[in-house]
Amino acid sequence: MNYLVLLYENPANFPSDEAARNAQFKAYGDFTEAIRASGHFVSGTPLIPMPDQTRTVKTSGVRNGPAHTIPEALVGTYVLDCKTIDEAAMIAGKIPAAKTGSVQVVPFMDM
């Protein structure tokens, strides 16, 4: 079964120096390679977590910024192929965002 994993972090906490940013990118790269090797990786997408780069669309119209005003922004996604949500959550707990932000695991609905 596939699970969507949503990664949230506070953009104010992003590393400001190049060495720290490179270390963070390496941690994500290492995680991605590990789940590729284990067969759990389906896809992954880093996102631009800047409020001025997002739009929220509702039937009442379009507004700039995210749908909710919270300190954490959606910074990326993974799609994992796992047997259970508990397995997906265990794997998601190894994502760097789980240490500094939060990670949500959502099962796909069969259609």
N, C-alpha and C. Protein backbone atom coordinates (compact mmCIF):
# COMPACT_ATOMS: atom_id res chain seq x y z
N MET A 1 0.85 -1.17 0.00
CA MET A 1 0.00 0.00 0.00
C MET A 1 0.89 1.24 0.00
N ASN A 2 0.43 2.29 -0.65
CA ASN A 2 1.20 3.53 -0.68
C ASN A 2 0.74 4.49 0.41
N TYR A 3 1.71 5.22 0.94
CA TYR A 3 1.46 6.21 1.98
C TYR A 3 2.12 7.52 1.57
N LEU A 4 1.38 8.61 1.68
CA LEU A 4 1.93 9.94 1.45
C LEU A 4 2.53 10.42 2.76
N VAL A 5 3.77 10.84 2.70
CA VAL A 5 4.45 11.36 3.88
C VAL A 5 4.69 12.85 3.65
N LEU A 6 4.10 13.68 4.52
CA LEU A 6 4.20 15.13 4.42
C LEU A 6 5.21 15.63 5.43
N LEU A 7 6.18 16.42 4.98
CA LEU A 7 7.25 16.92 5.82
C LEU A 7 7.01 18.39 6.13
N TYR A 8 7.00 18.75 7.39
CA TYR A 8 6.77 20.12 7.82
C TYR A 8 7.96 20.59 8.66
N GLU A 9 8.41 21.81 8.35
CA GLU A 9 9.47 22.43 9.16
C GLU A 9 9.22 23.93 9.22
N ASN A 10 9.77 24.56 10.24
CA ASN A 10 9.67 26.01 10.37
C ASN A 10 10.77 26.63 9.53
N PRO A 11 10.41 27.39 8.47
CA PRO A 11 11.44 28.00 7.62
C PRO A 11 12.42 28.88 8.39
N ALA A 12 11.99 29.44 9.51
CA ALA A 12 12.88 30.28 10.31
C ALA A 12 14.03 29.47 10.90
N ASN A 13 13.86 28.15 10.98
CA ASN A 13 14.90 27.29 11.54
C ASN A 13 15.81 26.66 10.50
N PHE A 14 15.63 27.01 9.22
CA PHE A 14 16.49 26.45 8.19
C PHE A 14 17.93 26.89 8.44
N PRO A 15 18.89 26.02 8.15
CA PRO A 15 20.30 26.39 8.35
C PRO A 15 20.67 27.62 7.53
N SER A 16 21.35 28.55 8.16
CA SER A 16 21.72 29.78 7.46
C SER A 16 23.10 29.69 6.83
N ASP A 17 23.94 28.80 7.33
CA ASP A 17 25.27 28.70 6.74
C ASP A 17 25.35 27.52 5.77
N GLU A 18 26.24 27.65 4.80
CA GLU A 18 26.32 26.67 3.72
C GLU A 18 26.68 25.27 4.20
N ALA A 19 27.57 25.17 5.17
CA ALA A 19 27.98 23.85 5.67
C ALA A 19 26.80 23.12 6.31
N ALA A 20 26.00 23.84 7.09
CA ALA A 20 24.83 23.23 7.73
C ALA A 20 23.79 22.83 6.69
N ARG A 21 23.58 23.68 5.68
CA ARG A 21 22.63 23.34 4.60
C ARG A 21 23.10 22.10 3.86
N ASN A 22 24.39 22.04 3.55
CA ASN A 22 24.92 20.87 2.85
C ASN A 22 24.76 19.60 3.68
N ALA A 23 24.95 19.72 4.99
CA ALA A 23 24.78 18.56 5.88
C ALA A 23 23.32 18.11 5.89
N GLN A 24 22.40 19.07 5.87
CA GLN A 24 20.97 18.73 5.83
C GLN A 24 20.62 18.05 4.51
N PHE A 25 21.09 18.60 3.41
CA PHE A 25 20.84 17.97 2.10
C PHE A 25 21.41 16.57 2.04
N LYS A 26 22.60 16.37 2.62
CA LYS A 26 23.22 15.04 2.64
C LYS A 26 22.37 14.08 3.47
N ALA A 27 21.84 14.54 4.60
CA ALA A 27 21.00 13.68 5.44
C ALA A 27 19.75 13.23 4.66
N TYR A 28 19.13 14.15 3.93
CA TYR A 28 17.98 13.78 3.10
C TYR A 28 18.39 12.83 1.99
N GLY A 29 19.53 13.09 1.37
CA GLY A 29 20.02 12.20 0.31
C GLY A 29 20.30 10.81 0.83
N ASP A 30 20.92 10.72 2.00
CA ASP A 30 21.20 9.42 2.61
C ASP A 30 19.92 8.66 2.92
N PHE A 31 18.93 9.39 3.47
CA PHE A 31 17.64 8.75 3.77
C PHE A 31 16.99 8.24 2.49
N THR A 32 16.97 9.07 1.45
CA THR A 32 16.34 8.68 0.19
C THR A 32 17.03 7.46 -0.40
N GLU A 33 18.34 7.42 -0.38
CA GLU A 33 19.06 6.26 -0.91
C GLU A 33 18.74 5.00 -0.10
N ALA A 34 18.60 5.14 1.22
CA ALA A 34 18.28 3.99 2.07
C ALA A 34 16.91 3.41 1.73
N ILE A 35 15.91 4.29 1.51
CA ILE A 35 14.58 3.75 1.21
C ILE A 35 14.49 3.27 -0.24
N ARG A 36 15.33 3.80 -1.10
CA ARG A 36 15.41 3.23 -2.46
C ARG A 36 15.94 1.80 -2.37
N ALA A 37 17.01 1.63 -1.61
CA ALA A 37 17.64 0.32 -1.47
C ALA A 37 16.72 -0.70 -0.81
N SER A 38 15.88 -0.23 0.12
CA SER A 38 14.97 -1.15 0.82
C SER A 38 13.72 -1.47 0.01
N GLY A 39 13.48 -0.73 -1.08
CA GLY A 39 12.30 -0.96 -1.90
C GLY A 39 11.07 -0.19 -1.45
N HIS A 40 11.19 0.68 -0.46
CA HIS A 40 10.03 1.43 0.05
C HIS A 40 9.78 2.73 -0.72
N PHE A 41 10.78 3.22 -1.45
CA PHE A 41 10.66 4.50 -2.15
C PHE A 41 9.77 4.38 -3.37
N VAL A 42 8.77 5.24 -3.48
CA VAL A 42 7.96 5.36 -4.68
C VAL A 42 8.30 6.68 -5.37
N SER A 43 8.27 7.78 -4.60
CA SER A 43 8.63 9.09 -5.13
C SER A 43 8.91 10.04 -3.98
N GLY A 44 9.48 11.17 -4.31
CA GLY A 44 9.75 12.20 -3.32
C GLY A 44 9.89 13.53 -4.02
N THR A 45 9.48 14.60 -3.34
CA THR A 45 9.53 15.93 -3.93
C THR A 45 9.86 16.97 -2.86
N PRO A 46 10.99 17.67 -3.00
CA PRO A 46 11.21 18.82 -2.13
C PRO A 46 10.36 19.99 -2.61
N LEU A 47 9.91 20.82 -1.70
CA LEU A 47 9.06 21.95 -2.04
C LEU A 47 9.70 23.26 -1.61
N ILE A 48 9.26 24.36 -2.21
CA ILE A 48 9.72 25.69 -1.82
C ILE A 48 8.78 26.17 -0.71
N PRO A 49 9.24 26.23 0.53
CA PRO A 49 8.34 26.54 1.65
C PRO A 49 8.18 28.03 1.93
N MET A 50 8.12 28.84 0.92
CA MET A 50 7.99 30.27 1.12
C MET A 50 6.53 30.68 0.94
N PRO A 51 5.91 31.30 1.94
CA PRO A 51 4.49 31.68 1.84
C PRO A 51 4.16 32.49 0.60
N ASP A 52 5.07 33.35 0.15
CA ASP A 52 4.77 34.16 -1.03
C ASP A 52 4.83 33.36 -2.33
N GLN A 53 5.27 32.12 -2.25
CA GLN A 53 5.35 31.26 -3.43
C GLN A 53 4.21 30.24 -3.48
N THR A 54 3.26 30.32 -2.56
CA THR A 54 2.15 29.38 -2.52
C THR A 54 0.83 30.10 -2.77
N ARG A 55 -0.16 29.34 -3.17
CA ARG A 55 -1.52 29.87 -3.37
C ARG A 55 -2.50 28.86 -2.77
N THR A 56 -3.52 29.37 -2.13
CA THR A 56 -4.60 28.55 -1.62
C THR A 56 -5.83 28.83 -2.46
N VAL A 57 -6.41 27.78 -3.01
CA VAL A 57 -7.56 27.93 -3.92
C VAL A 57 -8.79 27.34 -3.24
N LYS A 58 -9.84 28.14 -3.17
CA LYS A 58 -11.13 27.71 -2.63
C LYS A 58 -12.20 28.20 -3.59
N THR A 59 -13.40 27.71 -3.43
CA THR A 59 -14.47 28.15 -4.32
C THR A 59 -14.73 29.65 -4.16
N SER A 60 -14.32 30.21 -3.04
CA SER A 60 -14.51 31.65 -2.82
C SER A 60 -13.41 32.47 -3.48
N GLY A 61 -12.41 31.82 -4.07
CA GLY A 61 -11.36 32.56 -4.77
C GLY A 61 -9.97 32.06 -4.41
N VAL A 62 -8.98 32.79 -4.87
CA VAL A 62 -7.58 32.44 -4.66
C VAL A 62 -6.96 33.47 -3.74
N ARG A 63 -6.16 33.00 -2.80
CA ARG A 63 -5.44 33.95 -1.95
C ARG A 63 -3.98 33.54 -1.90
N ASN A 64 -3.12 34.50 -1.69
CA ASN A 64 -1.71 34.22 -1.56
C ASN A 64 -1.42 33.55 -0.23
N GLY A 65 -0.42 32.69 -0.22
CA GLY A 65 0.02 32.07 1.01
C GLY A 65 -0.59 30.71 1.24
N PRO A 66 -0.15 30.06 2.31
CA PRO A 66 -0.64 28.72 2.63
C PRO A 66 -2.07 28.75 3.15
N ALA A 67 -2.68 27.58 3.22
CA ALA A 67 -4.07 27.48 3.67
C ALA A 67 -4.21 27.80 5.15
N HIS A 68 -3.19 27.52 5.93
CA HIS A 68 -3.25 27.72 7.38
C HIS A 68 -2.04 28.54 7.82
N THR A 69 -2.25 29.41 8.77
CA THR A 69 -1.14 30.17 9.31
C THR A 69 -0.58 29.42 10.51
N ILE A 70 0.52 28.74 10.26
CA ILE A 70 1.19 27.97 11.30
C ILE A 70 2.69 28.21 11.16
N PRO A 71 3.46 27.98 12.21
CA PRO A 71 4.89 28.23 12.10
C PRO A 71 5.60 27.25 11.17
N GLU A 72 5.04 26.06 10.98
CA GLU A 72 5.67 25.08 10.11
C GLU A 72 5.07 25.16 8.72
N ALA A 73 5.92 24.97 7.71
CA ALA A 73 5.49 24.97 6.31
C ALA A 73 5.73 23.60 5.72
N LEU A 74 4.94 23.23 4.74
CA LEU A 74 5.13 21.99 4.01
C LEU A 74 6.39 22.14 3.18
N VAL A 75 7.41 21.32 3.43
CA VAL A 75 8.70 21.45 2.76
C VAL A 75 9.00 20.31 1.81
N GLY A 76 8.20 19.25 1.84
CA GLY A 76 8.45 18.14 0.93
C GLY A 76 7.51 16.99 1.17
N THR A 77 7.59 16.03 0.27
CA THR A 77 6.76 14.83 0.38
C THR A 77 7.57 13.60 -0.05
N TYR A 78 7.18 12.49 0.46
CA TYR A 78 7.62 11.18 -0.03
C TYR A 78 6.37 10.35 -0.23
N VAL A 79 6.43 9.41 -1.14
CA VAL A 79 5.43 8.36 -1.24
C VAL A 79 6.17 7.07 -0.95
N LEU A 80 5.69 6.35 0.06
CA LEU A 80 6.32 5.09 0.47
C LEU A 80 5.40 3.92 0.16
N ASP A 81 5.99 2.81 -0.20
CA ASP A 81 5.26 1.56 -0.41
C ASP A 81 5.56 0.68 0.79
N CYS A 82 4.58 0.50 1.66
CA CYS A 82 4.77 -0.25 2.91
C CYS A 82 3.58 -1.19 3.12
N LYS A 83 3.80 -2.20 3.95
CA LYS A 83 2.73 -3.16 4.25
C LYS A 83 1.67 -2.58 5.18
N THR A 84 2.11 -1.72 6.12
CA THR A 84 1.19 -1.16 7.11
C THR A 84 1.53 0.30 7.37
N ILE A 85 0.59 1.02 7.96
CA ILE A 85 0.86 2.41 8.33
C ILE A 85 1.93 2.47 9.42
N ASP A 86 2.00 1.45 10.28
CA ASP A 86 3.02 1.43 11.32
C ASP A 86 4.42 1.31 10.71
N GLU A 87 4.54 0.49 9.66
CA GLU A 87 5.83 0.38 8.97
C GLU A 87 6.18 1.72 8.32
N ALA A 88 5.20 2.37 7.67
CA ALA A 88 5.43 3.67 7.05
C ALA A 88 5.84 4.71 8.09
N ALA A 89 5.18 4.70 9.25
CA ALA A 89 5.52 5.65 10.32
C ALA A 89 6.92 5.40 10.87
N MET A 90 7.31 4.14 10.99
CA MET A 90 8.65 3.82 11.47
C MET A 90 9.70 4.37 10.50
N ILE A 91 9.47 4.18 9.21
CA ILE A 91 10.40 4.69 8.21
C ILE A 91 10.38 6.22 8.20
N ALA A 92 9.19 6.82 8.27
CA ALA A 92 9.06 8.27 8.27
C ALA A 92 9.76 8.91 9.47
N GLY A 93 9.84 8.19 10.56
CA GLY A 93 10.54 8.70 11.74
C GLY A 93 12.02 8.91 11.54
N LYS A 94 12.57 8.35 10.46
CA LYS A 94 13.99 8.51 10.15
C LYS A 94 14.26 9.69 9.22
N ILE A 95 13.21 10.35 8.76
CA ILE A 95 13.36 11.53 7.89
C ILE A 95 13.90 12.68 8.74
N PRO A 96 14.88 13.43 8.22
CA PRO A 96 15.43 14.55 9.01
C PRO A 96 14.37 15.51 9.55
N ALA A 97 13.30 15.76 8.82
CA ALA A 97 12.25 16.67 9.30
C ALA A 97 11.60 16.17 10.58
N ALA A 98 11.63 14.88 10.84
CA ALA A 98 11.04 14.34 12.06
C ALA A 98 11.80 14.82 13.30
N LYS A 99 13.08 15.19 13.12
CA LYS A 99 13.89 15.66 14.25
C LYS A 99 13.68 17.15 14.52
N THR A 100 13.41 17.92 13.47
CA THR A 100 13.35 19.37 13.62
C THR A 100 11.97 19.96 13.37
N GLY A 101 11.07 19.18 12.81
CA GLY A 101 9.72 19.64 12.51
C GLY A 101 8.73 18.54 12.82
N SER A 102 7.90 18.21 11.85
CA SER A 102 6.97 17.11 12.03
C SER A 102 6.75 16.41 10.69
N VAL A 103 6.33 15.16 10.78
CA VAL A 103 6.10 14.34 9.61
C VAL A 103 4.74 13.67 9.77
N GLN A 104 3.91 13.76 8.74
CA GLN A 104 2.58 13.16 8.79
C GLN A 104 2.52 12.04 7.75
N VAL A 105 1.96 10.90 8.13
CA VAL A 105 1.82 9.75 7.24
C VAL A 105 0.34 9.54 6.96
N VAL A 106 -0.02 9.53 5.67
CA VAL A 106 -1.43 9.42 5.26
C VAL A 106 -1.57 8.29 4.24
N PRO A 107 -2.45 7.32 4.49
CA PRO A 107 -2.62 6.25 3.51
C PRO A 107 -3.35 6.73 2.26
N PHE A 108 -2.98 6.17 1.12
CA PHE A 108 -3.71 6.43 -0.12
C PHE A 108 -5.04 5.69 -0.04
N MET A 109 -6.07 6.24 -0.64
CA MET A 109 -7.38 5.60 -0.71
C MET A 109 -7.43 4.79 -2.00
N ASP A 110 -7.88 3.55 -1.92
CA ASP A 110 -8.07 2.77 -3.13
C ASP A 110 -9.25 3.32 -3.90
N MET A 111 -9.06 3.51 -5.21
CA MET A 111 -10.14 4.06 -6.03
C MET A 111 -10.39 3.14 -7.21
